[in-house]
Amino acid sequence: GPLQVGHFIGSLAIILMAFVEYPGFPLTNLPTPLRDCFQGGLGTIYAVNVVMAIIATFKAGERGQSPLLWGVKTVAVGGLAYDQLS
């Protein structure tokens, strides 16, 4: 739903801020320590999402749903997708 779309767009914005450096654009013209913090946070969040995605693929298989769909969705939006499956 809309909550998942909002979280996905927010994560794309943070990925942009963490990894793209383009002078003059406020979202990409950040100090290195802040960019490093974003990268570390994204690494932690997506590591947790990958673990949940592995669990979600097994749950989806038990419910007769597409494990690939739920795995990708859980990596992208995390707990929101996992909770929807449960």
C-alpha atoms as a PDB file:
ATOM      1  CA  GLY A   1       0.000   0.000   0.000  1.00  0.00           C
ATOM      2  CA  PRO A   2       0.920   3.651   0.301  1.00  0.00           C
ATOM      3  CA  LEU A   3       3.038   3.062   3.409  1.00  0.00           C
ATOM      4  CA  GLN A   4       5.259   0.613   1.527  1.00  0.00           C
ATOM      5  CA  VAL A   5       5.586   2.965  -1.445  1.00  0.00           C
ATOM      6  CA  GLY A   6       6.559   5.814   0.889  1.00  0.00           C
ATOM      7  CA  HIS A   7       9.200   3.708   2.619  1.00  0.00           C
ATOM      8  CA  PHE A   8      10.602   2.573  -0.722  1.00  0.00           C
ATOM      9  CA  ILE A   9      10.843   6.160  -2.029  1.00  0.00           C
ATOM     10  CA  GLY A  10      12.443   7.241   1.259  1.00  0.00           C
ATOM     11  CA  SER A  11      15.031   4.488   1.012  1.00  0.00           C
ATOM     12  CA  LEU A  12      15.846   5.531  -2.564  1.00  0.00           C
ATOM     13  CA  ALA A  13      16.386   9.100  -1.356  1.00  0.00           C
ATOM     14  CA  ILE A  14      18.728   7.920   1.419  1.00  0.00           C
ATOM     15  CA  ILE A  15      20.613   5.700  -1.037  1.00  0.00           C
ATOM     16  CA  LEU A  16      21.004   8.756  -3.276  1.00  0.00           C
ATOM     17  CA  MET A  17      22.313  10.848  -0.369  1.00  0.00           C
ATOM     18  CA  ALA A  18      24.686   8.092   0.783  1.00  0.00           C
ATOM     19  CA  PHE A  19      26.300   7.123  -2.508  1.00  0.00           C
ATOM     20  CA  VAL A  20      25.926   9.952  -5.050  1.00  0.00           C
ATOM     21  CA  GLU A  21      28.094  13.041  -4.850  1.00  0.00           C
ATOM     22  CA  TYR A  22      26.964  15.890  -7.081  1.00  0.00           C
ATOM     23  CA  PRO A  23      28.056  19.385  -6.036  1.00  0.00           C
ATOM     24  CA  GLY A  24      25.307  21.994  -5.968  1.00  0.00           C
ATOM     25  CA  PHE A  25      22.446  19.563  -5.317  1.00  0.00           C
ATOM     26  CA  PRO A  26      21.483  19.696  -1.607  1.00  0.00           C
ATOM     27  CA  LEU A  27      20.705  15.983  -1.266  1.00  0.00           C
ATOM     28  CA  THR A  28      24.057  14.906  -2.691  1.00  0.00           C
ATOM     29  CA  ASN A  29      26.317  17.686  -1.439  1.00  0.00           C
ATOM     30  CA  LEU A  30      26.803  16.261   2.062  1.00  0.00           C
ATOM     31  CA  PRO A  31      29.851  16.068   4.351  1.00  0.00           C
ATOM     32  CA  THR A  32      31.700  12.759   4.298  1.00  0.00           C
ATOM     33  CA  PRO A  33      30.946  11.829   7.963  1.00  0.00           C
ATOM     34  CA  LEU A  34      27.203  12.194   7.326  1.00  0.00           C
ATOM     35  CA  ARG A  35      27.455  10.186   4.105  1.00  0.00           C
ATOM     36  CA  ASP A  36      29.347   7.470   6.021  1.00  0.00           C
ATOM     37  CA  CYS A  37      26.588   7.364   8.645  1.00  0.00           C
ATOM     38  CA  PHE A  38      23.959   6.890   5.945  1.00  0.00           C
ATOM     39  CA  GLN A  39      25.985   4.087   4.380  1.00  0.00           C
ATOM     40  CA  GLY A  40      26.420   2.308   7.714  1.00  0.00           C
ATOM     41  CA  GLY A  41      22.735   2.634   8.535  1.00  0.00           C
ATOM     42  CA  LEU A  42      21.691   1.327   5.144  1.00  0.00           C
ATOM     43  CA  GLY A  43      24.045  -1.622   5.523  1.00  0.00           C
ATOM     44  CA  THR A  44      22.497  -2.536   8.866  1.00  0.00           C
ATOM     45  CA  ILE A  45      18.926  -2.134   7.667  1.00  0.00           C
ATOM     46  CA  TYR A  46      19.411  -4.135   4.490  1.00  0.00           C
ATOM     47  CA  ALA A  47      21.295  -6.897   6.345  1.00  0.00           C
ATOM     48  CA  VAL A  48      18.252  -7.317   8.603  1.00  0.00           C
ATOM     49  CA  ASN A  49      15.961  -7.154   5.557  1.00  0.00           C
ATOM     50  CA  VAL A  50      17.895  -9.953   3.845  1.00  0.00           C
ATOM     51  CA  VAL A  51      17.470 -12.206   6.893  1.00  0.00           C
ATOM     52  CA  MET A  52      13.736 -11.439   6.964  1.00  0.00           C
ATOM     53  CA  ALA A  53      13.543 -12.064   3.202  1.00  0.00           C
ATOM     54  CA  ILE A  54      15.012 -15.537   3.626  1.00  0.00           C
ATOM     55  CA  ILE A  55      12.400 -16.324   6.266  1.00  0.00           C
ATOM     56  CA  ALA A  56       9.668 -14.763   4.092  1.00  0.00           C
ATOM     57  CA  THR A  57      10.518 -17.006   1.135  1.00  0.00           C
ATOM     58  CA  PHE A  58       9.876 -20.086   3.265  1.00  0.00           C
ATOM     59  CA  LYS A  59       6.640 -18.660   4.679  1.00  0.00           C
ATOM     60  CA  ALA A  60       5.426 -17.708   1.209  1.00  0.00           C
ATOM     61  CA  GLY A  61       6.100 -21.243  -0.028  1.00  0.00           C
ATOM     62  CA  GLU A  62       4.065 -22.678   2.847  1.00  0.00           C
ATOM     63  CA  ARG A  63       1.141 -20.399   1.912  1.00  0.00           C
ATOM     64  CA  GLY A  64       1.305 -21.204  -1.798  1.00  0.00           C
ATOM     65  CA  GLN A  65       2.510 -17.729  -2.767  1.00  0.00           C
ATOM     66  CA  SER A  66       5.502 -16.675  -4.836  1.00  0.00           C
ATOM     67  CA  PRO A  67       8.669 -16.952  -2.724  1.00  0.00           C
ATOM     68  CA  LEU A  68      10.592 -14.754  -5.186  1.00  0.00           C
ATOM     69  CA  LEU A  69       8.017 -11.958  -4.976  1.00  0.00           C
ATOM     70  CA  TRP A  70       7.973 -11.943  -1.183  1.00  0.00           C
ATOM     71  CA  GLY A  71      11.749 -12.224  -0.943  1.00  0.00           C
ATOM     72  CA  VAL A  72      12.333  -9.217  -3.185  1.00  0.00           C
ATOM     73  CA  LYS A  73       9.545  -7.235  -1.541  1.00  0.00           C
ATOM     74  CA  THR A  74      10.925  -7.939   1.934  1.00  0.00           C
ATOM     75  CA  VAL A  75      14.454  -6.901   0.918  1.00  0.00           C
ATOM     76  CA  ALA A  76      13.027  -3.658  -0.489  1.00  0.00           C
ATOM     77  CA  VAL A  77      10.646  -2.593   2.303  1.00  0.00           C
ATOM     78  CA  GLY A  78      11.600  -4.892   5.164  1.00  0.00           C
ATOM     79  CA  GLY A  79       9.278  -5.462   8.065  1.00  0.00           C
ATOM     80  CA  LEU A  80       6.310  -3.867   6.325  1.00  0.00           C
ATOM     81  CA  ALA A  81       6.275  -6.645   3.710  1.00  0.00           C
ATOM     82  CA  TYR A  82       7.172  -9.366   6.198  1.00  0.00           C
ATOM     83  CA  ASP A  83       4.354  -8.321   8.517  1.00  0.00           C
ATOM     84  CA  GLN A  84       1.918  -8.304   5.581  1.00  0.00           C
ATOM     85  CA  LEU A  85       2.874 -11.902   4.799  1.00  0.00           C
ATOM     86  CA  SER A  86       2.541 -13.075   8.407  1.00  0.00           C
END
